[in-house]
Amino acid sequence: MPQVTVTRRLTFNAAHRVHNPALSDAENTRLFGKCNNPNWHGHNYSLEVSITGDPDPVTGYVIDLGEVKRIVEREYVSIVDHKNFNLDVPFMQGTNPTTENIIIACWRVLEPALRPGRLTRLRIWETENNYVEYEGR
């Protein structure tokens, strides 16, 4: 049977400061620029969650995208929305919250929650021009 990938997009707002405490303030500023603002900065994120599988012979669905929305909102969005990744998000503690690290942590939360669906890709848009994609490898 042909494999099909379906994607659900959700949005959330969150703040962060890209900062490595092992580096000096000057080095952090040089490396991360505005993203190292000690008073944080925020984004209107867009998260795309893609699941791949065979269409069900009865429903024609790979997975019910309404159920994907409910799971992602419960397991991820409700935890990060209007929060500070540095201060408020337990699974980001001790991690420099670059978008690359945010998406890896997101995968670790969502992959088991979406089973038996097979999560195959996450994409987080940090701005309208920048996104990070992760396929679990």
N, C-alpha and C. Protein backbone atom coordinates (compact mmCIF):
# COMPACT_ATOMS: atom_id res chain seq x y z
N MET A 1 0.85 -1.18 0.00
CA MET A 1 0.00 0.00 0.00
C MET A 1 0.89 1.24 0.00
N PRO A 2 0.48 2.29 -0.68
CA PRO A 2 1.30 3.51 -0.71
C PRO A 2 1.36 4.20 0.65
N GLN A 3 2.53 4.70 0.97
CA GLN A 3 2.72 5.48 2.20
C GLN A 3 2.36 6.94 1.90
N VAL A 4 1.64 7.54 2.84
CA VAL A 4 1.21 8.92 2.69
C VAL A 4 1.62 9.68 3.95
N THR A 5 2.04 10.93 3.78
CA THR A 5 2.39 11.78 4.92
C THR A 5 1.34 12.87 5.05
N VAL A 6 0.79 13.01 6.25
CA VAL A 6 -0.18 14.06 6.55
C VAL A 6 0.44 15.00 7.57
N THR A 7 0.06 16.26 7.50
CA THR A 7 0.67 17.27 8.37
C THR A 7 -0.41 18.15 8.99
N ARG A 8 -0.25 18.39 10.28
CA ARG A 8 -1.12 19.32 11.02
C ARG A 8 -0.26 20.47 11.49
N ARG A 9 -0.75 21.72 11.32
CA ARG A 9 -0.03 22.91 11.78
C ARG A 9 -0.74 23.49 12.99
N LEU A 10 0.05 23.84 14.00
CA LEU A 10 -0.46 24.49 15.20
C LEU A 10 0.42 25.69 15.49
N THR A 11 -0.07 26.63 16.25
CA THR A 11 0.71 27.82 16.58
C THR A 11 0.78 28.00 18.09
N PHE A 12 1.86 28.66 18.52
CA PHE A 12 2.01 29.03 19.92
C PHE A 12 2.95 30.22 20.00
N ASN A 13 2.92 30.89 21.12
CA ASN A 13 3.79 32.03 21.38
C ASN A 13 4.67 31.70 22.57
N ALA A 14 5.95 32.03 22.46
CA ALA A 14 6.85 31.76 23.57
C ALA A 14 8.05 32.69 23.51
N ALA A 15 8.68 32.85 24.66
CA ALA A 15 9.87 33.68 24.77
C ALA A 15 11.08 32.80 25.08
N HIS A 16 12.25 33.36 24.82
CA HIS A 16 13.48 32.67 25.17
C HIS A 16 14.65 33.65 25.11
N ARG A 17 15.77 33.19 25.62
CA ARG A 17 17.04 33.89 25.49
C ARG A 17 18.07 32.85 25.06
N VAL A 18 18.65 33.04 23.91
CA VAL A 18 19.68 32.13 23.44
C VAL A 18 20.97 32.54 24.15
N HIS A 19 21.45 31.66 25.02
CA HIS A 19 22.56 32.01 25.92
C HIS A 19 23.26 30.74 26.38
N ASN A 20 24.57 30.76 26.35
CA ASN A 20 25.37 29.65 26.87
C ASN A 20 26.08 30.14 28.12
N PRO A 21 25.69 29.66 29.31
CA PRO A 21 26.28 30.16 30.55
C PRO A 21 27.77 29.85 30.68
N ALA A 22 28.29 28.94 29.87
CA ALA A 22 29.72 28.63 29.91
C ALA A 22 30.56 29.69 29.22
N LEU A 23 29.91 30.61 28.50
CA LEU A 23 30.62 31.66 27.78
C LEU A 23 30.46 33.00 28.48
N SER A 24 31.35 33.91 28.19
CA SER A 24 31.25 35.26 28.76
C SER A 24 30.06 35.99 28.14
N ASP A 25 29.65 37.07 28.80
CA ASP A 25 28.58 37.89 28.24
C ASP A 25 28.97 38.44 26.88
N ALA A 26 30.22 38.85 26.73
CA ALA A 26 30.68 39.39 25.45
C ALA A 26 30.63 38.32 24.36
N GLU A 27 31.04 37.11 24.69
CA GLU A 27 31.02 36.03 23.71
C GLU A 27 29.59 35.65 23.33
N ASN A 28 28.69 35.60 24.31
CA ASN A 28 27.28 35.34 24.03
C ASN A 28 26.70 36.40 23.12
N THR A 29 27.01 37.66 23.40
CA THR A 29 26.51 38.75 22.56
C THR A 29 27.07 38.64 21.14
N ARG A 30 28.35 38.32 21.02
CA ARG A 30 28.95 38.18 19.70
C ARG A 30 28.31 37.04 18.92
N LEU A 31 28.08 35.91 19.58
CA LEU A 31 27.53 34.74 18.91
C LEU A 31 26.04 34.85 18.60
N PHE A 32 25.28 35.39 19.54
CA PHE A 32 23.82 35.32 19.44
C PHE A 32 23.13 36.65 19.19
N GLY A 33 23.88 37.76 19.27
CA GLY A 33 23.31 39.07 18.95
C GLY A 33 22.05 39.38 19.72
N LYS A 34 21.01 39.87 19.01
CA LYS A 34 19.74 40.25 19.64
C LYS A 34 19.08 39.09 20.38
N CYS A 35 19.35 37.89 19.94
CA CYS A 35 18.72 36.72 20.55
C CYS A 35 19.24 36.46 21.97
N ASN A 36 20.32 37.16 22.36
CA ASN A 36 20.90 37.02 23.68
C ASN A 36 20.40 38.10 24.64
N ASN A 37 19.40 38.85 24.27
CA ASN A 37 18.85 39.91 25.12
C ASN A 37 18.56 39.38 26.52
N PRO A 38 19.17 39.95 27.57
CA PRO A 38 18.96 39.44 28.92
C PRO A 38 17.51 39.53 29.39
N ASN A 39 16.71 40.35 28.73
CA ASN A 39 15.30 40.50 29.08
C ASN A 39 14.38 39.67 28.19
N TRP A 40 14.96 38.70 27.47
CA TRP A 40 14.21 37.76 26.65
C TRP A 40 13.70 38.40 25.36
N HIS A 41 13.20 37.60 24.51
CA HIS A 41 12.47 38.03 23.32
C HIS A 41 11.54 36.89 22.93
N GLY A 42 10.50 37.21 22.16
CA GLY A 42 9.50 36.20 21.86
C GLY A 42 9.26 36.01 20.38
N HIS A 43 8.56 34.92 20.09
CA HIS A 43 8.21 34.58 18.71
C HIS A 43 6.78 34.06 18.67
N ASN A 44 6.16 34.21 17.52
CA ASN A 44 4.90 33.57 17.20
C ASN A 44 5.27 32.34 16.37
N TYR A 45 5.41 31.22 17.03
CA TYR A 45 5.88 29.99 16.39
C TYR A 45 4.73 29.30 15.64
N SER A 46 5.10 28.61 14.59
CA SER A 46 4.19 27.71 13.89
C SER A 46 4.86 26.34 13.87
N LEU A 47 4.14 25.33 14.32
CA LEU A 47 4.65 23.97 14.42
C LEU A 47 3.90 23.07 13.44
N GLU A 48 4.63 22.41 12.58
CA GLU A 48 4.04 21.44 11.65
C GLU A 48 4.44 20.04 12.10
N VAL A 49 3.43 19.19 12.26
CA VAL A 49 3.61 17.83 12.74
C VAL A 49 3.20 16.87 11.62
N SER A 50 4.15 16.08 11.12
CA SER A 50 3.89 15.18 10.00
C SER A 50 3.96 13.72 10.43
N ILE A 51 2.97 12.96 10.00
CA ILE A 51 2.86 11.54 10.34
C ILE A 51 2.69 10.77 9.04
N THR A 52 3.44 9.68 8.91
CA THR A 52 3.44 8.89 7.69
C THR A 52 2.89 7.49 7.97
N GLY A 53 2.11 6.99 7.04
CA GLY A 53 1.60 5.63 7.17
C GLY A 53 0.73 5.25 5.99
N ASP A 54 0.12 4.10 6.11
CA ASP A 54 -0.81 3.61 5.09
C ASP A 54 -2.20 4.18 5.39
N PRO A 55 -2.91 4.63 4.37
CA PRO A 55 -4.30 5.03 4.61
C PRO A 55 -5.12 3.82 5.09
N ASP A 56 -5.91 4.04 6.10
CA ASP A 56 -6.78 3.00 6.63
C ASP A 56 -7.80 2.60 5.55
N PRO A 57 -8.03 1.29 5.36
CA PRO A 57 -8.95 0.89 4.30
C PRO A 57 -10.40 1.32 4.55
N VAL A 58 -10.77 1.55 5.79
CA VAL A 58 -12.15 1.96 6.10
C VAL A 58 -12.31 3.47 6.03
N THR A 59 -11.40 4.21 6.70
CA THR A 59 -11.56 5.67 6.79
C THR A 59 -10.83 6.42 5.67
N GLY A 60 -9.79 5.80 5.13
CA GLY A 60 -8.95 6.50 4.17
C GLY A 60 -7.92 7.40 4.82
N TYR A 61 -7.94 7.49 6.15
CA TYR A 61 -7.00 8.33 6.90
C TYR A 61 -5.72 7.57 7.23
N VAL A 62 -4.61 8.30 7.22
CA VAL A 62 -3.39 7.79 7.86
C VAL A 62 -3.58 7.90 9.37
N ILE A 63 -4.10 9.04 9.80
CA ILE A 63 -4.43 9.31 11.20
C ILE A 63 -5.43 10.45 11.19
N ASP A 64 -6.32 10.47 12.13
CA ASP A 64 -7.29 11.55 12.24
C ASP A 64 -6.56 12.83 12.67
N LEU A 65 -6.53 13.83 11.80
CA LEU A 65 -5.79 15.06 12.11
C LEU A 65 -6.40 15.83 13.27
N GLY A 66 -7.67 15.63 13.54
CA GLY A 66 -8.27 16.23 14.74
C GLY A 66 -7.67 15.63 16.00
N GLU A 67 -7.42 14.33 15.96
CA GLU A 67 -6.77 13.67 17.10
C GLU A 67 -5.32 14.13 17.24
N VAL A 68 -4.64 14.30 16.12
CA VAL A 68 -3.27 14.84 16.17
C VAL A 68 -3.29 16.19 16.85
N LYS A 69 -4.22 17.05 16.48
CA LYS A 69 -4.33 18.38 17.09
C LYS A 69 -4.54 18.26 18.60
N ARG A 70 -5.45 17.42 19.02
CA ARG A 70 -5.72 17.26 20.46
C ARG A 70 -4.47 16.78 21.21
N ILE A 71 -3.77 15.81 20.64
CA ILE A 71 -2.57 15.27 21.30
C ILE A 71 -1.48 16.33 21.40
N VAL A 72 -1.21 17.03 20.30
CA VAL A 72 -0.13 18.03 20.27
C VAL A 72 -0.46 19.18 21.20
N GLU A 73 -1.72 19.62 21.21
CA GLU A 73 -2.11 20.70 22.13
C GLU A 73 -1.93 20.27 23.58
N ARG A 74 -2.34 19.05 23.90
CA ARG A 74 -2.25 18.57 25.29
C ARG A 74 -0.80 18.33 25.73
N GLU A 75 -0.02 17.67 24.88
CA GLU A 75 1.32 17.24 25.27
C GLU A 75 2.40 18.30 25.09
N TYR A 76 2.16 19.27 24.20
CA TYR A 76 3.22 20.23 23.89
C TYR A 76 2.76 21.68 23.96
N VAL A 77 1.78 22.04 23.16
CA VAL A 77 1.39 23.46 23.07
C VAL A 77 0.95 23.99 24.42
N SER A 78 0.15 23.23 25.17
CA SER A 78 -0.33 23.73 26.46
C SER A 78 0.81 23.97 27.45
N ILE A 79 1.94 23.33 27.23
CA ILE A 79 3.10 23.47 28.13
C ILE A 79 3.98 24.65 27.74
N VAL A 80 4.06 24.97 26.44
CA VAL A 80 4.99 26.01 25.99
C VAL A 80 4.31 27.33 25.62
N ASP A 81 3.01 27.32 25.35
CA ASP A 81 2.34 28.52 24.87
C ASP A 81 2.34 29.62 25.94
N HIS A 82 2.78 30.79 25.53
CA HIS A 82 2.89 31.97 26.40
C HIS A 82 3.79 31.70 27.61
N LYS A 83 4.83 30.91 27.37
CA LYS A 83 5.80 30.60 28.42
C LYS A 83 7.19 31.04 27.96
N ASN A 84 8.12 30.96 28.89
CA ASN A 84 9.52 31.26 28.60
C ASN A 84 10.27 29.93 28.58
N PHE A 85 10.86 29.58 27.43
CA PHE A 85 11.56 28.30 27.32
C PHE A 85 12.67 28.17 28.35
N ASN A 86 13.33 29.27 28.71
CA ASN A 86 14.43 29.21 29.67
C ASN A 86 13.94 28.95 31.10
N LEU A 87 12.76 29.46 31.43
CA LEU A 87 12.31 29.44 32.82
C LEU A 87 11.15 28.50 33.12
N ASP A 88 10.23 28.35 32.18
CA ASP A 88 8.94 27.74 32.47
C ASP A 88 8.71 26.35 31.91
N VAL A 89 9.58 25.88 31.04
CA VAL A 89 9.31 24.63 30.32
C VAL A 89 10.23 23.53 30.88
N PRO A 90 9.67 22.60 31.64
CA PRO A 90 10.51 21.61 32.32
C PRO A 90 11.44 20.83 31.40
N PHE A 91 10.98 20.41 30.23
CA PHE A 91 11.84 19.60 29.37
C PHE A 91 12.90 20.41 28.63
N MET A 92 12.95 21.72 28.85
CA MET A 92 14.02 22.56 28.27
C MET A 92 15.04 23.01 29.31
N GLN A 93 14.83 22.65 30.55
CA GLN A 93 15.74 23.09 31.60
C GLN A 93 17.16 22.60 31.33
N GLY A 94 18.13 23.51 31.46
CA GLY A 94 19.53 23.18 31.25
C GLY A 94 19.93 23.09 29.78
N THR A 95 19.04 23.50 28.87
CA THR A 95 19.32 23.43 27.44
C THR A 95 19.22 24.83 26.85
N ASN A 96 20.20 25.21 26.05
CA ASN A 96 20.15 26.50 25.36
C ASN A 96 19.00 26.44 24.36
N PRO A 97 17.96 27.28 24.53
CA PRO A 97 16.75 27.12 23.73
C PRO A 97 16.83 27.72 22.32
N THR A 98 17.79 27.24 21.56
CA THR A 98 17.80 27.56 20.13
C THR A 98 16.62 26.82 19.51
N THR A 99 16.22 27.23 18.34
CA THR A 99 15.12 26.53 17.68
C THR A 99 15.50 25.09 17.39
N GLU A 100 16.78 24.85 17.11
CA GLU A 100 17.26 23.48 16.89
C GLU A 100 17.04 22.62 18.13
N ASN A 101 17.37 23.14 19.31
CA ASN A 101 17.17 22.38 20.54
C ASN A 101 15.70 22.28 20.91
N ILE A 102 14.92 23.31 20.61
CA ILE A 102 13.48 23.28 20.88
C ILE A 102 12.82 22.15 20.08
N ILE A 103 13.18 22.02 18.80
CA ILE A 103 12.52 21.00 17.97
C ILE A 103 12.90 19.59 18.39
N ILE A 104 14.15 19.39 18.83
CA ILE A 104 14.56 18.06 19.31
C ILE A 104 13.77 17.70 20.57
N ALA A 105 13.62 18.65 21.48
CA ALA A 105 12.84 18.40 22.69
C ALA A 105 11.38 18.15 22.35
N CYS A 106 10.86 18.87 21.39
CA CYS A 106 9.48 18.67 20.94
C CYS A 106 9.30 17.25 20.43
N TRP A 107 10.24 16.77 19.62
CA TRP A 107 10.17 15.40 19.10
C TRP A 107 10.11 14.39 20.25
N ARG A 108 10.97 14.58 21.24
CA ARG A 108 11.03 13.65 22.38
C ARG A 108 9.70 13.59 23.13
N VAL A 109 8.98 14.69 23.15
CA VAL A 109 7.67 14.73 23.81
C VAL A 109 6.60 14.11 22.92
N LEU A 110 6.59 14.46 21.63
CA LEU A 110 5.48 14.07 20.76
C LEU A 110 5.58 12.66 20.19
N GLU A 111 6.78 12.20 19.90
CA GLU A 111 6.92 10.90 19.23
C GLU A 111 6.19 9.78 19.98
N PRO A 112 6.42 9.61 21.29
CA PRO A 112 5.69 8.53 21.98
C PRO A 112 4.19 8.82 22.12
N ALA A 113 3.82 10.08 22.23
CA ALA A 113 2.40 10.44 22.42
C ALA A 113 1.57 10.19 21.17
N LEU A 114 2.20 10.22 20.01
CA LEU A 114 1.46 10.05 18.75
C LEU A 114 1.39 8.60 18.29
N ARG A 115 2.05 7.68 18.97
CA ARG A 115 1.99 6.27 18.59
C ARG A 115 0.55 5.76 18.72
N PRO A 116 0.10 4.87 17.88
CA PRO A 116 0.88 4.10 16.94
C PRO A 116 1.18 4.84 15.64
N GLY A 117 0.76 6.11 15.51
CA GLY A 117 1.17 6.88 14.34
C GLY A 117 2.68 6.97 14.30
N ARG A 118 3.23 7.15 13.10
CA ARG A 118 4.68 7.23 12.96
C ARG A 118 5.06 8.67 12.63
N LEU A 119 5.52 9.39 13.66
CA LEU A 119 5.99 10.76 13.47
C LEU A 119 7.21 10.73 12.57
N THR A 120 7.17 11.50 11.47
CA THR A 120 8.28 11.46 10.52
C THR A 120 8.96 12.80 10.33
N ARG A 121 8.30 13.89 10.71
CA ARG A 121 8.95 15.19 10.56
C ARG A 121 8.25 16.21 11.44
N LEU A 122 9.06 17.07 12.04
CA LEU A 122 8.57 18.28 12.71
C LEU A 122 9.22 19.46 12.01
N ARG A 123 8.48 20.52 11.88
CA ARG A 123 9.02 21.77 11.35
C ARG A 123 8.50 22.89 12.25
N ILE A 124 9.41 23.69 12.79
CA ILE A 124 9.02 24.85 13.59
C ILE A 124 9.47 26.10 12.85
N TRP A 125 8.49 26.93 12.55
CA TRP A 125 8.76 28.25 11.99
C TRP A 125 8.93 29.21 13.16
N GLU A 126 10.13 29.80 13.27
CA GLU A 126 10.39 30.78 14.33
C GLU A 126 9.94 32.17 13.87
N THR A 127 10.15 32.45 12.60
CA THR A 127 9.69 33.68 11.97
C THR A 127 9.12 33.29 10.61
N GLU A 128 8.58 34.24 9.90
CA GLU A 128 8.05 33.91 8.57
C GLU A 128 9.16 33.54 7.59
N ASN A 129 10.40 33.82 7.95
CA ASN A 129 11.52 33.53 7.06
C ASN A 129 12.41 32.38 7.51
N ASN A 130 12.27 31.94 8.76
CA ASN A 130 13.19 30.93 9.31
C ASN A 130 12.43 29.75 9.92
N TYR A 131 12.82 28.57 9.51
CA TYR A 131 12.28 27.38 10.16
C TYR A 131 13.38 26.35 10.36
N VAL A 132 13.12 25.43 11.28
CA VAL A 132 14.01 24.30 11.55
C VAL A 132 13.17 23.04 11.38
N GLU A 133 13.78 22.05 10.75
CA GLU A 133 13.09 20.80 10.47
C GLU A 133 13.87 19.65 11.12
N TYR A 134 13.14 18.67 11.63
CA TYR A 134 13.78 17.53 12.29
C TYR A 134 13.01 16.26 11.94
N GLU A 135 13.76 15.20 11.61
CA GLU A 135 13.15 13.93 11.23
C GLU A 135 13.54 12.80 12.17
N GLY A 136 13.94 13.15 13.38
CA GLY A 136 14.16 12.15 14.41
C GLY A 136 15.47 11.37 14.32
N ARG A 137 16.40 11.84 13.58
CA ARG A 137 17.67 11.10 13.45
C ARG A 137 18.77 11.79 14.20
